[in-house]
């Protein structure tokens, strides 16, 4: 019997390949900068953006139940949700940007729908997002429990609720419970569809083709969907709700291309409408550096680029100081 997979990736390898070098058949190497240690090195994409048993849910009466009581239910679910489609989606996106002249539409509705789904799933599955949702959900869960206890105490009906009341009183909001609840929510097709529609309907989409790619490529990270405000002063979903007018999303497709999404109801977004769904050439060094530095700040620990651009981390390291 095959052993259970313990190395769970929260950034798909199918995405990281677009920043990696194939050194032999199906073996990909990527350049890594560890912002905690300040060191850069090369590594196999199998060994980055992963944690042991990250998506494993322990079977416990205080955790959310999983189908078939399978602790590893969610780990093989992600390939079915999106991962298997990512290489095809990104190749289509790059082809569209490459073959479509500037000022012409590059992002059709069908392509945006696939990209929005990919962004939403990725945005909800990383350590930073999980930590945020764990903290945010704690108070509402305890409030719900107290409301239930109050209801049972005042509406006994024809049943003795003693066992249920004792179980609710014993409940503790642990990281394991939070993980089980967040995985259930983050993989819900209804929730994914809702947030995908928010990105499609409420955001102005555009992309940049980095003309400075050889000297300052776009980088990515273990939190590849960068959420920031239009001034780039605050990063993370915790500081930039999707409904806030100033929220901006950036997502590097590879070293050359980056998606940039702006709220339509913001002044900034209104100004971008003339460029909606286009891929524009950019040769603004300050802008590219700024986006890369925000990626480093937004990351949990690691940022990535193609090995041939590894020395860019030395420049960014100096600029961070």
C-alpha atoms as a PDB file:
ATOM      1  CA  UNK A   1       0.000   0.000   0.000  1.00  0.00           C
ATOM      2  CA  UNK A   2       1.332   3.432  -0.919  1.00  0.00           C
ATOM      3  CA  UNK A   3       2.342   5.647   1.980  1.00  0.00           C
ATOM      4  CA  UNK A   4       0.278   8.716   2.800  1.00  0.00           C
ATOM      5  CA  UNK A   5       1.646  11.950   1.317  1.00  0.00           C
ATOM      6  CA  UNK A   6       2.999  14.117   4.136  1.00  0.00           C
ATOM      7  CA  UNK A   7       4.516  16.960   2.085  1.00  0.00           C
ATOM      8  CA  UNK A   8       1.605  19.232   1.224  1.00  0.00           C
ATOM      9  CA  UNK A   9       2.168  22.167  -1.135  1.00  0.00           C
ATOM     10  CA  UNK A  10       0.236  25.390  -0.611  1.00  0.00           C
ATOM     11  CA  UNK A  11       1.624  26.874  -3.844  1.00  0.00           C
ATOM     12  CA  UNK A  12       1.127  24.449  -6.757  1.00  0.00           C
ATOM     13  CA  UNK A  13       4.205  23.097  -8.472  1.00  0.00           C
ATOM     14  CA  UNK A  14       2.343  23.555 -11.759  1.00  0.00           C
ATOM     15  CA  UNK A  15       2.547  27.296 -11.107  1.00  0.00           C
ATOM     16  CA  UNK A  16       6.122  27.340  -9.794  1.00  0.00           C
ATOM     17  CA  UNK A  17       7.328  25.643 -12.985  1.00  0.00           C
ATOM     18  CA  UNK A  18       6.771  28.942 -14.797  1.00  0.00           C
ATOM     19  CA  UNK A  19       9.580  30.408 -12.667  1.00  0.00           C
ATOM     20  CA  UNK A  20      11.790  27.311 -12.696  1.00  0.00           C
ATOM     21  CA  UNK A  21      14.420  25.666 -14.887  1.00  0.00           C
ATOM     22  CA  UNK A  22      13.970  22.048 -15.973  1.00  0.00           C
ATOM     23  CA  UNK A  23      17.368  20.504 -15.212  1.00  0.00           C
ATOM     24  CA  UNK A  24      16.283  17.027 -16.320  1.00  0.00           C
ATOM     25  CA  UNK A  25      13.010  15.410 -17.287  1.00  0.00           C
ATOM     26  CA  UNK A  26      10.296  16.550 -14.880  1.00  0.00           C
ATOM     27  CA  UNK A  27      12.840  17.922 -12.391  1.00  0.00           C
ATOM     28  CA  UNK A  28      12.575  21.677 -11.881  1.00  0.00           C
ATOM     29  CA  UNK A  29      14.918  23.972  -9.994  1.00  0.00           C
ATOM     30  CA  UNK A  30      13.953  27.398  -8.685  1.00  0.00           C
ATOM     31  CA  UNK A  31      15.893  30.264  -7.073  1.00  0.00           C
ATOM     32  CA  UNK A  32      14.801  30.977  -3.509  1.00  0.00           C
ATOM     33  CA  UNK A  33      15.315  33.953  -1.215  1.00  0.00           C
ATOM     34  CA  UNK A  34      14.603  33.295   2.465  1.00  0.00           C
ATOM     35  CA  UNK A  35      13.691  36.649   3.961  1.00  0.00           C
ATOM     36  CA  UNK A  36      14.151  35.328   7.504  1.00  0.00           C
ATOM     37  CA  UNK A  37      17.766  34.235   7.050  1.00  0.00           C
ATOM     38  CA  UNK A  38      18.570  36.657   4.224  1.00  0.00           C
ATOM     39  CA  UNK A  39      20.075  33.816   2.187  1.00  0.00           C
ATOM     40  CA  UNK A  40      19.444  32.809  -1.428  1.00  0.00           C
ATOM     41  CA  UNK A  41      19.863  29.344  -2.872  1.00  0.00           C
ATOM     42  CA  UNK A  42      18.591  26.936  -5.527  1.00  0.00           C
ATOM     43  CA  UNK A  43      16.063  24.275  -4.672  1.00  0.00           C
ATOM     44  CA  UNK A  44      13.778  21.708  -6.258  1.00  0.00           C
ATOM     45  CA  UNK A  45      10.198  22.969  -6.575  1.00  0.00           C
ATOM     46  CA  UNK A  46       9.124  19.834  -4.704  1.00  0.00           C
ATOM     47  CA  UNK A  47      10.818  21.224  -1.609  1.00  0.00           C
ATOM     48  CA  UNK A  48       9.461  24.779  -1.442  1.00  0.00           C
ATOM     49  CA  UNK A  49       6.108  26.292  -0.391  1.00  0.00           C
ATOM     50  CA  UNK A  50       5.137  23.136   1.465  1.00  0.00           C
ATOM     51  CA  UNK A  51       4.502  21.924   5.004  1.00  0.00           C
ATOM     52  CA  UNK A  52       4.207  18.497   6.547  1.00  0.00           C
ATOM     53  CA  UNK A  53       0.546  17.439   6.851  1.00  0.00           C
ATOM     54  CA  UNK A  54      -0.563  20.995   6.069  1.00  0.00           C
ATOM     55  CA  UNK A  55      -3.971  19.804   4.748  1.00  0.00           C
ATOM     56  CA  UNK A  56      -4.438  16.825   7.049  1.00  0.00           C
ATOM     57  CA  UNK A  57      -7.535  16.989   9.271  1.00  0.00           C
ATOM     58  CA  UNK A  58      -7.474  14.840  12.394  1.00  0.00           C
ATOM     59  CA  UNK A  59     -10.649  12.878  13.058  1.00  0.00           C
ATOM     60  CA  UNK A  60     -11.979  14.278  16.314  1.00  0.00           C
ATOM     61  CA  UNK A  61     -15.428  15.073  17.646  1.00  0.00           C
ATOM     62  CA  UNK A  62     -14.419  18.724  18.036  1.00  0.00           C
ATOM     63  CA  UNK A  63     -13.164  19.075  14.448  1.00  0.00           C
ATOM     64  CA  UNK A  64     -15.288  19.598  11.372  1.00  0.00           C
ATOM     65  CA  UNK A  65     -16.118  16.211   9.822  1.00  0.00           C
ATOM     66  CA  UNK A  66     -14.506  15.223   6.519  1.00  0.00           C
ATOM     67  CA  UNK A  67     -16.064  12.992   3.847  1.00  0.00           C
ATOM     68  CA  UNK A  68     -15.524   9.277   4.404  1.00  0.00           C
ATOM     69  CA  UNK A  69     -13.681  10.180   7.622  1.00  0.00           C
ATOM     70  CA  UNK A  70     -10.545  10.526   5.513  1.00  0.00           C
ATOM     71  CA  UNK A  71      -7.932  12.750   7.237  1.00  0.00           C
ATOM     72  CA  UNK A  72      -6.286  13.432   3.864  1.00  0.00           C
ATOM     73  CA  UNK A  73      -9.481  14.257   1.991  1.00  0.00           C
ATOM     74  CA  UNK A  74      -8.415  17.829   1.126  1.00  0.00           C
ATOM     75  CA  UNK A  75      -4.906  17.115  -0.144  1.00  0.00           C
ATOM     76  CA  UNK A  76      -6.018  15.287  -3.349  1.00  0.00           C
ATOM     77  CA  UNK A  77      -8.988  17.646  -3.663  1.00  0.00           C
ATOM     78  CA  UNK A  78      -6.848  20.626  -4.704  1.00  0.00           C
ATOM     79  CA  UNK A  79      -5.627  18.997  -7.949  1.00  0.00           C
ATOM     80  CA  UNK A  80      -9.255  18.371  -8.884  1.00  0.00           C
ATOM     81  CA  UNK A  81     -10.320  21.890  -7.927  1.00  0.00           C
ATOM     82  CA  UNK A  82      -7.645  23.745  -9.922  1.00  0.00           C
ATOM     83  CA  UNK A  83      -4.068  22.420  -9.821  1.00  0.00           C
ATOM     84  CA  UNK A  84      -4.369  20.053 -12.777  1.00  0.00           C
ATOM     85  CA  UNK A  85      -5.616  22.955 -14.922  1.00  0.00           C
ATOM     86  CA  UNK A  86      -3.041  25.577 -13.916  1.00  0.00           C
ATOM     87  CA  UNK A  87      -0.363  24.834 -16.569  1.00  0.00           C
ATOM     88  CA  UNK A  88      -2.981  25.000 -19.326  1.00  0.00           C
ATOM     89  CA  UNK A  89      -4.489  28.230 -17.944  1.00  0.00           C
ATOM     90  CA  UNK A  90      -1.111  29.952 -17.654  1.00  0.00           C
ATOM     91  CA  UNK A  91       0.082  28.799 -21.093  1.00  0.00           C
ATOM     92  CA  UNK A  92      -3.109  30.194 -22.612  1.00  0.00           C
ATOM     93  CA  UNK A  93      -2.584  33.458 -20.742  1.00  0.00           C
ATOM     94  CA  UNK A  94       1.029  33.834 -21.865  1.00  0.00           C
ATOM     95  CA  UNK A  95       0.110  32.986 -25.457  1.00  0.00           C
ATOM     96  CA  UNK A  96      -2.636  35.606 -25.394  1.00  0.00           C
ATOM     97  CA  UNK A  97      -0.256  38.261 -24.048  1.00  0.00           C
ATOM     98  CA  UNK A  98       2.471  37.306 -26.528  1.00  0.00           C
ATOM     99  CA  UNK A  99       0.326  37.127 -29.639  1.00  0.00           C
ATOM    100  CA  UNK A 100      -2.026  40.061 -29.020  1.00  0.00           C
ATOM    101  CA  UNK A 101      -0.718  43.550 -29.861  1.00  0.00           C
ATOM    102  CA  UNK A 102      -0.629  46.162 -27.102  1.00  0.00           C
ATOM    103  CA  UNK A 103      -3.915  48.172 -26.860  1.00  0.00           C
ATOM    104  CA  UNK A 104      -5.859  45.110 -28.039  1.00  0.00           C
ATOM    105  CA  UNK A 105      -7.910  42.926 -25.694  1.00  0.00           C
ATOM    106  CA  UNK A 106      -5.827  40.074 -24.285  1.00  0.00           C
ATOM    107  CA  UNK A 107      -8.094  38.849 -21.472  1.00  0.00           C
ATOM    108  CA  UNK A 108     -11.341  37.381 -22.739  1.00  0.00           C
ATOM    109  CA  UNK A 109     -14.227  36.459 -20.437  1.00  0.00           C
ATOM    110  CA  UNK A 110     -13.487  32.729 -20.530  1.00  0.00           C
ATOM    111  CA  UNK A 111      -9.816  33.200 -19.693  1.00  0.00           C
ATOM    112  CA  UNK A 112     -10.640  35.645 -16.890  1.00  0.00           C
ATOM    113  CA  UNK A 113     -13.098  33.149 -15.403  1.00  0.00           C
ATOM    114  CA  UNK A 114     -10.372  30.498 -15.189  1.00  0.00           C
ATOM    115  CA  UNK A 115      -7.821  32.961 -13.820  1.00  0.00           C
ATOM    116  CA  UNK A 116     -10.274  34.297 -11.221  1.00  0.00           C
ATOM    117  CA  UNK A 117     -10.959  30.788  -9.959  1.00  0.00           C
ATOM    118  CA  UNK A 118      -7.222  30.117  -9.742  1.00  0.00           C
ATOM    119  CA  UNK A 119      -6.574  33.375  -7.850  1.00  0.00           C
ATOM    120  CA  UNK A 120      -9.379  32.798  -5.349  1.00  0.00           C
ATOM    121  CA  UNK A 121      -8.359  29.240  -4.503  1.00  0.00           C
ATOM    122  CA  UNK A 122      -4.708  30.258  -4.182  1.00  0.00           C
ATOM    123  CA  UNK A 123      -5.566  33.287  -2.067  1.00  0.00           C
ATOM    124  CA  UNK A 124      -7.409  31.168   0.526  1.00  0.00           C
ATOM    125  CA  UNK A 125      -4.949  28.284   0.916  1.00  0.00           C
ATOM    126  CA  UNK A 126      -1.681  29.845   2.093  1.00  0.00           C
ATOM    127  CA  UNK A 127      -0.284  30.041   5.650  1.00  0.00           C
ATOM    128  CA  UNK A 128      -0.840  33.797   5.907  1.00  0.00           C
ATOM    129  CA  UNK A 129      -4.477  33.447   4.848  1.00  0.00           C
ATOM    130  CA  UNK A 130      -5.041  30.488   7.147  1.00  0.00           C
ATOM    131  CA  UNK A 131      -3.577  32.409  10.081  1.00  0.00           C
ATOM    132  CA  UNK A 132      -5.827  35.372   9.273  1.00  0.00           C
ATOM    133  CA  UNK A 133      -8.982  33.269   9.038  1.00  0.00           C
ATOM    134  CA  UNK A 134      -8.046  31.384  12.224  1.00  0.00           C
ATOM    135  CA  UNK A 135      -7.895  34.645  14.147  1.00  0.00           C
ATOM    136  CA  UNK A 136     -10.958  36.218  12.556  1.00  0.00           C
ATOM    137  CA  UNK A 137     -13.226  33.204  13.098  1.00  0.00           C
ATOM    138  CA  UNK A 138     -12.402  32.604  16.772  1.00  0.00           C
ATOM    139  CA  UNK A 139     -14.735  35.202  18.280  1.00  0.00           C
ATOM    140  CA  UNK A 140     -17.770  34.338  16.074  1.00  0.00           C
ATOM    141  CA  UNK A 141     -17.408  30.630  16.912  1.00  0.00           C
ATOM    142  CA  UNK A 142     -17.463  31.280  20.653  1.00  0.00           C
ATOM    143  CA  UNK A 143     -20.376  33.689  20.201  1.00  0.00           C
ATOM    144  CA  UNK A 144     -22.310  31.013  18.295  1.00  0.00           C
ATOM    145  CA  UNK A 145     -21.625  28.472  21.028  1.00  0.00           C
ATOM    146  CA  UNK A 146     -22.856  30.819  23.741  1.00  0.00           C
ATOM    147  CA  UNK A 147     -25.991  31.615  21.754  1.00  0.00           C
ATOM    148  CA  UNK A 148     -26.645  27.893  21.360  1.00  0.00           C
ATOM    149  CA  UNK A 149     -26.139  27.301  25.093  1.00  0.00           C
ATOM    150  CA  UNK A 150     -28.537  30.126  25.912  1.00  0.00           C
ATOM    151  CA  UNK A 151     -31.125  28.698  23.531  1.00  0.00           C
ATOM    152  CA  UNK A 152     -30.863  25.171  24.981  1.00  0.00           C
ATOM    153  CA  UNK A 153     -31.121  26.516  28.514  1.00  0.00           C
ATOM    154  CA  UNK A 154     -34.329  28.435  27.784  1.00  0.00           C
ATOM    155  CA  UNK A 155     -35.931  26.009  25.292  1.00  0.00           C
ATOM    156  CA  UNK A 156     -35.577  22.529  26.759  1.00  0.00           C
ATOM    157  CA  UNK A 157     -38.535  21.148  24.780  1.00  0.00           C
ATOM    158  CA  UNK A 158     -39.122  17.447  25.181  1.00  0.00           C
ATOM    159  CA  UNK A 159     -35.463  16.457  25.186  1.00  0.00           C
ATOM    160  CA  UNK A 160     -32.738  16.410  27.801  1.00  0.00           C
ATOM    161  CA  UNK A 161     -29.881  18.429  26.271  1.00  0.00           C
ATOM    162  CA  UNK A 162     -27.436  17.686  29.084  1.00  0.00           C
ATOM    163  CA  UNK A 163     -24.904  15.784  26.933  1.00  0.00           C
ATOM    164  CA  UNK A 164     -24.964  18.411  24.172  1.00  0.00           C
ATOM    165  CA  UNK A 165     -24.571  21.248  26.676  1.00  0.00           C
ATOM    166  CA  UNK A 166     -21.581  19.581  28.304  1.00  0.00           C
ATOM    167  CA  UNK A 167     -19.945  18.974  24.944  1.00  0.00           C
ATOM    168  CA  UNK A 168     -20.397  22.628  23.938  1.00  0.00           C
ATOM    169  CA  UNK A 169     -18.939  23.777  27.240  1.00  0.00           C
ATOM    170  CA  UNK A 170     -15.916  21.559  26.719  1.00  0.00           C
ATOM    171  CA  UNK A 171     -15.276  22.948  23.223  1.00  0.00           C
ATOM    172  CA  UNK A 172     -11.993  24.775  22.692  1.00  0.00           C
ATOM    173  CA  UNK A 173     -11.098  26.714  19.559  1.00  0.00           C
ATOM    174  CA  UNK A 174      -7.855  24.949  18.667  1.00  0.00           C
ATOM    175  CA  UNK A 175      -5.677  25.326  15.584  1.00  0.00           C
ATOM    176  CA  UNK A 176      -6.772  21.841  14.512  1.00  0.00           C
ATOM    177  CA  UNK A 177     -10.442  22.813  14.676  1.00  0.00           C
ATOM    178  CA  UNK A 178      -9.716  26.052  12.817  1.00  0.00           C
ATOM    179  CA  UNK A 179      -7.856  24.126  10.114  1.00  0.00           C
ATOM    180  CA  UNK A 180     -10.784  21.737   9.627  1.00  0.00           C
ATOM    181  CA  UNK A 181     -13.269  24.614   9.396  1.00  0.00           C
ATOM    182  CA  UNK A 182     -11.136  26.770   7.087  1.00  0.00           C
ATOM    183  CA  UNK A 183     -10.397  23.897   4.694  1.00  0.00           C
ATOM    184  CA  UNK A 184     -14.118  23.178   4.479  1.00  0.00           C
ATOM    185  CA  UNK A 185     -14.867  26.813   3.649  1.00  0.00           C
ATOM    186  CA  UNK A 186     -11.881  27.386   1.343  1.00  0.00           C
ATOM    187  CA  UNK A 187     -12.759  24.414  -0.869  1.00  0.00           C
ATOM    188  CA  UNK A 188     -16.483  25.139  -1.048  1.00  0.00           C
ATOM    189  CA  UNK A 189     -17.533  25.498  -4.687  1.00  0.00           C
ATOM    190  CA  UNK A 190     -20.175  28.027  -3.680  1.00  0.00           C
ATOM    191  CA  UNK A 191     -17.638  30.219  -1.890  1.00  0.00           C
ATOM    192  CA  UNK A 192     -15.079  29.895  -4.702  1.00  0.00           C
ATOM    193  CA  UNK A 193     -17.718  30.883  -7.267  1.00  0.00           C
ATOM    194  CA  UNK A 194     -18.854  33.858  -5.158  1.00  0.00           C
ATOM    195  CA  UNK A 195     -15.382  35.362  -4.756  1.00  0.00           C
ATOM    196  CA  UNK A 196     -14.510  34.598  -8.387  1.00  0.00           C
ATOM    197  CA  UNK A 197     -17.539  36.628  -9.456  1.00  0.00           C
ATOM    198  CA  UNK A 198     -16.400  39.474  -7.193  1.00  0.00           C
ATOM    199  CA  UNK A 199     -13.058  39.582  -9.014  1.00  0.00           C
ATOM    200  CA  UNK A 200     -14.697  39.411 -12.442  1.00  0.00           C
ATOM    201  CA  UNK A 201     -17.550  41.858 -11.815  1.00  0.00           C
ATOM    202  CA  UNK A 202     -15.989  44.387  -9.446  1.00  0.00           C
ATOM    203  CA  UNK A 203     -12.405  44.606 -10.644  1.00  0.00           C
ATOM    204  CA  UNK A 204     -10.734  46.121 -13.675  1.00  0.00           C
ATOM    205  CA  UNK A 205      -8.249  43.588 -15.095  1.00  0.00           C
ATOM    206  CA  UNK A 206      -5.053  44.429 -16.908  1.00  0.00           C
ATOM    207  CA  UNK A 207      -1.570  42.979 -17.268  1.00  0.00           C
ATOM    208  CA  UNK A 208       1.995  44.178 -17.645  1.00  0.00           C
ATOM    209  CA  UNK A 209       4.727  42.881 -19.910  1.00  0.00           C
ATOM    210  CA  UNK A 210       7.989  43.628 -18.131  1.00  0.00           C
ATOM    211  CA  UNK A 211      10.465  45.103 -20.635  1.00  0.00           C
ATOM    212  CA  UNK A 212      13.152  45.050 -17.929  1.00  0.00           C
ATOM    213  CA  UNK A 213      12.862  41.326 -17.354  1.00  0.00           C
ATOM    214  CA  UNK A 214      16.569  40.638 -17.885  1.00  0.00           C
ATOM    215  CA  UNK A 215      17.650  43.080 -15.168  1.00  0.00           C
ATOM    216  CA  UNK A 216      14.610  43.213 -12.854  1.00  0.00           C
ATOM    217  CA  UNK A 217      12.169  40.328 -13.460  1.00  0.00           C
ATOM    218  CA  UNK A 218       8.847  39.943 -11.686  1.00  0.00           C
ATOM    219  CA  UNK A 219       9.228  37.590  -8.726  1.00  0.00           C
ATOM    220  CA  UNK A 220       6.675  35.474  -6.901  1.00  0.00           C
ATOM    221  CA  UNK A 221       6.452  34.018  -3.408  1.00  0.00           C
ATOM    222  CA  UNK A 222       4.866  31.519  -1.051  1.00  0.00           C
ATOM    223  CA  UNK A 223       1.946  34.014  -1.004  1.00  0.00           C
ATOM    224  CA  UNK A 224       1.743  34.566  -4.779  1.00  0.00           C
ATOM    225  CA  UNK A 225      -1.522  36.541  -4.853  1.00  0.00           C
ATOM    226  CA  UNK A 226      -0.301  39.903  -3.608  1.00  0.00           C
ATOM    227  CA  UNK A 227      -3.010  41.969  -1.916  1.00  0.00           C
ATOM    228  CA  UNK A 228      -2.124  45.559  -1.217  1.00  0.00           C
ATOM    229  CA  UNK A 229      -3.638  49.031  -1.365  1.00  0.00           C
ATOM    230  CA  UNK A 230      -3.109  51.309  -4.322  1.00  0.00           C
ATOM    231  CA  UNK A 231      -0.321  53.126  -2.478  1.00  0.00           C
ATOM    232  CA  UNK A 232       1.375  49.845  -1.550  1.00  0.00           C
ATOM    233  CA  UNK A 233       1.564  50.715   2.135  1.00  0.00           C
ATOM    234  CA  UNK A 234      -0.217  47.675   3.542  1.00  0.00           C
ATOM    235  CA  UNK A 235      -0.156  44.074   2.341  1.00  0.00           C
ATOM    236  CA  UNK A 236      -2.227  40.984   3.081  1.00  0.00           C
ATOM    237  CA  UNK A 237      -5.890  40.030   2.961  1.00  0.00           C
ATOM    238  CA  UNK A 238      -6.203  41.093   6.604  1.00  0.00           C
ATOM    239  CA  UNK A 239      -5.510  44.700   5.573  1.00  0.00           C
ATOM    240  CA  UNK A 240      -7.144  44.687   2.143  1.00  0.00           C
ATOM    241  CA  UNK A 241     -10.657  43.181   1.960  1.00  0.00           C
ATOM    242  CA  UNK A 242     -11.842  42.478  -1.570  1.00  0.00           C
ATOM    243  CA  UNK A 243     -14.726  44.949  -1.162  1.00  0.00           C
ATOM    244  CA  UNK A 244     -12.493  47.871  -0.178  1.00  0.00           C
ATOM    245  CA  UNK A 245     -12.115  50.404  -3.038  1.00  0.00           C
ATOM    246  CA  UNK A 246      -8.371  50.827  -2.481  1.00  0.00           C
ATOM    247  CA  UNK A 247      -7.573  47.089  -2.668  1.00  0.00           C
ATOM    248  CA  UNK A 248      -5.336  45.967  -5.536  1.00  0.00           C
ATOM    249  CA  UNK A 249      -4.375  42.402  -6.497  1.00  0.00           C
ATOM    250  CA  UNK A 250      -1.182  41.500  -8.329  1.00  0.00           C
ATOM    251  CA  UNK A 251      -0.178  38.068  -9.553  1.00  0.00           C
ATOM    252  CA  UNK A 252       2.988  37.278 -11.477  1.00  0.00           C
ATOM    253  CA  UNK A 253       2.356  34.769 -14.274  1.00  0.00           C
ATOM    254  CA  UNK A 254       6.078  34.358 -14.891  1.00  0.00           C
ATOM    255  CA  UNK A 255       9.178  36.577 -14.849  1.00  0.00           C
ATOM    256  CA  UNK A 256       7.806  38.750 -17.656  1.00  0.00           C
ATOM    257  CA  UNK A 257       4.046  38.966 -17.169  1.00  0.00           C
ATOM    258  CA  UNK A 258       1.987  40.134 -14.194  1.00  0.00           C
ATOM    259  CA  UNK A 259      -1.755  40.523 -13.691  1.00  0.00           C
ATOM    260  CA  UNK A 260      -2.935  43.699 -11.992  1.00  0.00           C
ATOM    261  CA  UNK A 261      -6.529  44.018 -10.716  1.00  0.00           C
ATOM    262  CA  UNK A 262      -8.062  47.267  -9.444  1.00  0.00           C
ATOM    263  CA  UNK A 263     -11.497  47.952  -7.972  1.00  0.00           C
ATOM    264  CA  UNK A 264     -13.779  49.572 -10.542  1.00  0.00           C
ATOM    265  CA  UNK A 265     -15.343  51.814  -7.877  1.00  0.00           C
ATOM    266  CA  UNK A 266     -12.018  53.416  -6.941  1.00  0.00           C
ATOM    267  CA  UNK A 267     -10.573  56.539  -8.533  1.00  0.00           C
ATOM    268  CA  UNK A 268      -7.533  54.501  -9.513  1.00  0.00           C
ATOM    269  CA  UNK A 269      -9.695  51.780 -11.039  1.00  0.00           C
ATOM    270  CA  UNK A 270     -11.731  54.328 -12.973  1.00  0.00           C
ATOM    271  CA  UNK A 271      -8.559  55.622 -14.535  1.00  0.00           C
ATOM    272  CA  UNK A 272      -7.558  52.105 -15.530  1.00  0.00           C
ATOM    273  CA  UNK A 273     -10.795  51.316 -17.381  1.00  0.00           C
ATOM    274  CA  UNK A 274      -9.324  52.599 -20.634  1.00  0.00           C
ATOM    275  CA  UNK A 275      -6.736  49.798 -20.387  1.00  0.00           C
ATOM    276  CA  UNK A 276      -9.102  47.052 -19.196  1.00  0.00           C
ATOM    277  CA  UNK A 277      -8.254  43.531 -20.382  1.00  0.00           C
ATOM    278  CA  UNK A 278      -5.078  44.703 -22.134  1.00  0.00           C
ATOM    279  CA  UNK A 279      -1.465  43.678 -21.641  1.00  0.00           C
ATOM    280  CA  UNK A 280       0.686  46.808 -21.547  1.00  0.00           C
ATOM    281  CA  UNK A 281       4.441  47.103 -21.913  1.00  0.00           C
ATOM    282  CA  UNK A 282       6.163  48.536 -18.838  1.00  0.00           C
ATOM    283  CA  UNK A 283       9.749  49.720 -18.467  1.00  0.00           C
ATOM    284  CA  UNK A 284       9.384  51.573 -15.168  1.00  0.00           C
ATOM    285  CA  UNK A 285      12.154  50.234 -12.914  1.00  0.00           C
ATOM    286  CA  UNK A 286      10.719  51.879  -9.792  1.00  0.00           C
ATOM    287  CA  UNK A 287       7.359  50.176 -10.296  1.00  0.00           C
ATOM    288  CA  UNK A 288       8.814  46.705 -10.869  1.00  0.00           C
ATOM    289  CA  UNK A 289      11.124  47.045  -7.851  1.00  0.00           C
ATOM    290  CA  UNK A 290       8.216  48.265  -5.729  1.00  0.00           C
ATOM    291  CA  UNK A 291       6.081  45.271  -6.678  1.00  0.00           C
ATOM    292  CA  UNK A 292       8.934  42.886  -5.930  1.00  0.00           C
ATOM    293  CA  UNK A 293       9.592  44.452  -2.521  1.00  0.00           C
ATOM    294  CA  UNK A 294       5.894  44.188  -1.689  1.00  0.00           C
ATOM    295  CA  UNK A 295       6.036  40.506  -2.644  1.00  0.00           C
ATOM    296  CA  UNK A 296       8.865  39.989  -0.185  1.00  0.00           C
ATOM    297  CA  UNK A 297       6.933  41.776   2.548  1.00  0.00           C
ATOM    298  CA  UNK A 298       3.741  39.841   1.768  1.00  0.00           C
ATOM    299  CA  UNK A 299       5.439  36.446   1.713  1.00  0.00           C
ATOM    300  CA  UNK A 300       5.406  34.108   4.691  1.00  0.00           C
ATOM    301  CA  UNK A 301       9.087  33.358   4.279  1.00  0.00           C
ATOM    302  CA  UNK A 302      10.206  32.502   0.731  1.00  0.00           C
ATOM    303  CA  UNK A 303      10.241  34.389  -2.565  1.00  0.00           C
ATOM    304  CA  UNK A 304      11.083  32.814  -5.906  1.00  0.00           C
ATOM    305  CA  UNK A 305      12.478  33.592  -9.326  1.00  0.00           C
ATOM    306  CA  UNK A 306      14.004  31.747 -12.268  1.00  0.00           C
ATOM    307  CA  UNK A 307      17.585  30.555 -11.551  1.00  0.00           C
ATOM    308  CA  UNK A 308      19.003  32.721 -14.349  1.00  0.00           C
ATOM    309  CA  UNK A 309      17.734  35.794 -12.463  1.00  0.00           C
ATOM    310  CA  UNK A 310      18.875  34.680  -8.991  1.00  0.00           C
ATOM    311  CA  UNK A 311      21.198  37.659  -8.521  1.00  0.00           C
ATOM    312  CA  UNK A 312      18.187  39.993  -8.469  1.00  0.00           C
ATOM    313  CA  UNK A 313      17.675  38.888  -4.867  1.00  0.00           C
ATOM    314  CA  UNK A 314      20.987  40.506  -3.916  1.00  0.00           C
ATOM    315  CA  UNK A 315      19.727  43.835  -5.296  1.00  0.00           C
ATOM    316  CA  UNK A 316      16.356  43.515  -3.564  1.00  0.00           C
ATOM    317  CA  UNK A 317      18.023  42.540  -0.307  1.00  0.00           C
ATOM    318  CA  UNK A 318      20.018  45.779  -0.340  1.00  0.00           C
ATOM    319  CA  UNK A 319      16.938  47.832  -1.249  1.00  0.00           C
ATOM    320  CA  UNK A 320      14.968  46.296   1.648  1.00  0.00           C
ATOM    321  CA  UNK A 321      17.476  47.522   4.201  1.00  0.00           C
END
